[in-house]
Protein backbone atom coordinates (compact mmCIF):
# COMPACT_ATOMS: atom_id res chain seq x y z
CA VAL A 1 -145.48 56.48 -55.22
CA HIS A 2 -144.56 53.31 -56.72
CA PHE A 3 -142.48 50.24 -54.70
CA ASP A 4 -139.33 50.43 -56.58
CA ARG A 5 -139.23 54.49 -55.80
CA LEU A 6 -139.42 53.93 -51.68
CA LYS A 7 -136.96 53.47 -49.42
CA ILE A 8 -137.23 50.84 -46.71
CA HIS A 9 -136.94 52.70 -42.96
CA HIS A 10 -136.26 50.54 -39.75
CA VAL A 11 -138.49 52.89 -37.22
CA ILE A 12 -135.88 51.40 -34.49
CA TRP A 13 -132.28 51.84 -36.25
CA TRP A 14 -130.58 49.21 -37.66
CA ARG A 15 -127.48 51.36 -35.95
CA HIS A 16 -128.95 51.36 -32.47
CA GLY A 17 -130.62 47.38 -33.03
CA GLY A 18 -133.59 47.98 -35.08
CA ARG A 19 -133.83 44.46 -36.62
CA THR A 20 -134.74 44.06 -40.46
CA ASP A 21 -138.46 42.31 -39.84
CA LEU A 22 -141.94 43.32 -41.42
CA ASP A 23 -142.45 44.21 -37.14
CA ASN A 24 -139.85 47.33 -37.33
CA LEU A 25 -140.08 48.35 -41.16
CA LEU A 26 -141.62 51.46 -42.67
CA PRO A 27 -141.85 51.99 -46.55
CA VAL A 28 -141.75 55.56 -47.07
CA CYS A 29 -140.42 58.06 -50.27
CA SER A 30 -136.59 59.39 -50.61
CA ARG A 31 -138.02 62.91 -49.24
CA HIS A 32 -139.69 61.70 -46.27
CA HIS A 33 -136.78 59.15 -45.50
CA THR A 34 -134.29 62.39 -45.72
CA ALA A 35 -136.55 63.85 -43.44
CA ILE A 36 -136.55 60.88 -40.92
CA HIS A 37 -132.38 60.34 -40.98
CA HIS A 38 -131.65 64.39 -41.59
CA ASP A 39 -134.14 66.95 -39.94
CA GLY A 40 -135.17 65.46 -36.66
CA TRP A 41 -138.61 63.72 -37.53
CA ILE A 42 -139.35 60.70 -34.96
CA VAL A 43 -141.35 57.80 -36.23
CA THR A 44 -143.53 55.34 -34.64
CA LEU A 45 -145.09 52.83 -35.46
CA GLY A 46 -148.09 50.73 -33.11
CA PRO A 47 -148.43 47.07 -32.72
CA ASN A 48 -151.18 46.99 -35.37
CA ARG A 49 -149.28 49.31 -38.14
CA GLU A 50 -150.34 53.22 -36.85
CA LEU A 51 -147.91 55.01 -37.45
CA GLU A 52 -147.66 58.26 -35.27
CA ILE A 53 -144.82 60.90 -36.18
CA THR A 54 -143.30 64.27 -34.07
CA LEU A 55 -142.31 66.72 -36.44
CA PRO A 56 -139.04 68.66 -34.68
CA ASP A 57 -141.90 71.90 -34.38
CA GLY A 58 -143.56 68.90 -31.28
CA ARG A 59 -146.23 68.42 -33.86
CA VAL A 60 -147.60 64.97 -33.81
CA MET A 61 -149.45 63.38 -37.08
CA ALA A 62 -151.02 59.66 -36.73
CA THR A 63 -152.30 57.46 -38.80
CA GLY A 64 -154.49 54.47 -37.43
CA PRO A 65 -153.86 51.16 -39.17
CA PRO A 66 -154.16 50.94 -42.46
CA SER A 67 -156.87 49.53 -44.54
CA ARG A 68 -157.10 45.80 -45.47
CA SER A 69 -157.88 47.79 -49.41
CA ALA A 70 -154.30 48.89 -48.57
CA ALA A 71 -152.29 45.53 -48.49
């Protein structure tokens, strides 16, 4: 998805005291942003930007840190 079509998600939600800084922000497409907010997805972001998503059925999807070419 092109950057201009992404939503910026607060990993720790802003209304729960999440900061608006790069350590707490994650670009996601609209469909996945809706799933996070309305479908019970739980998102965590590690110190090296490792992403973990826990789905409502308990399945966990995870990535390692992004490669330098991703930046």
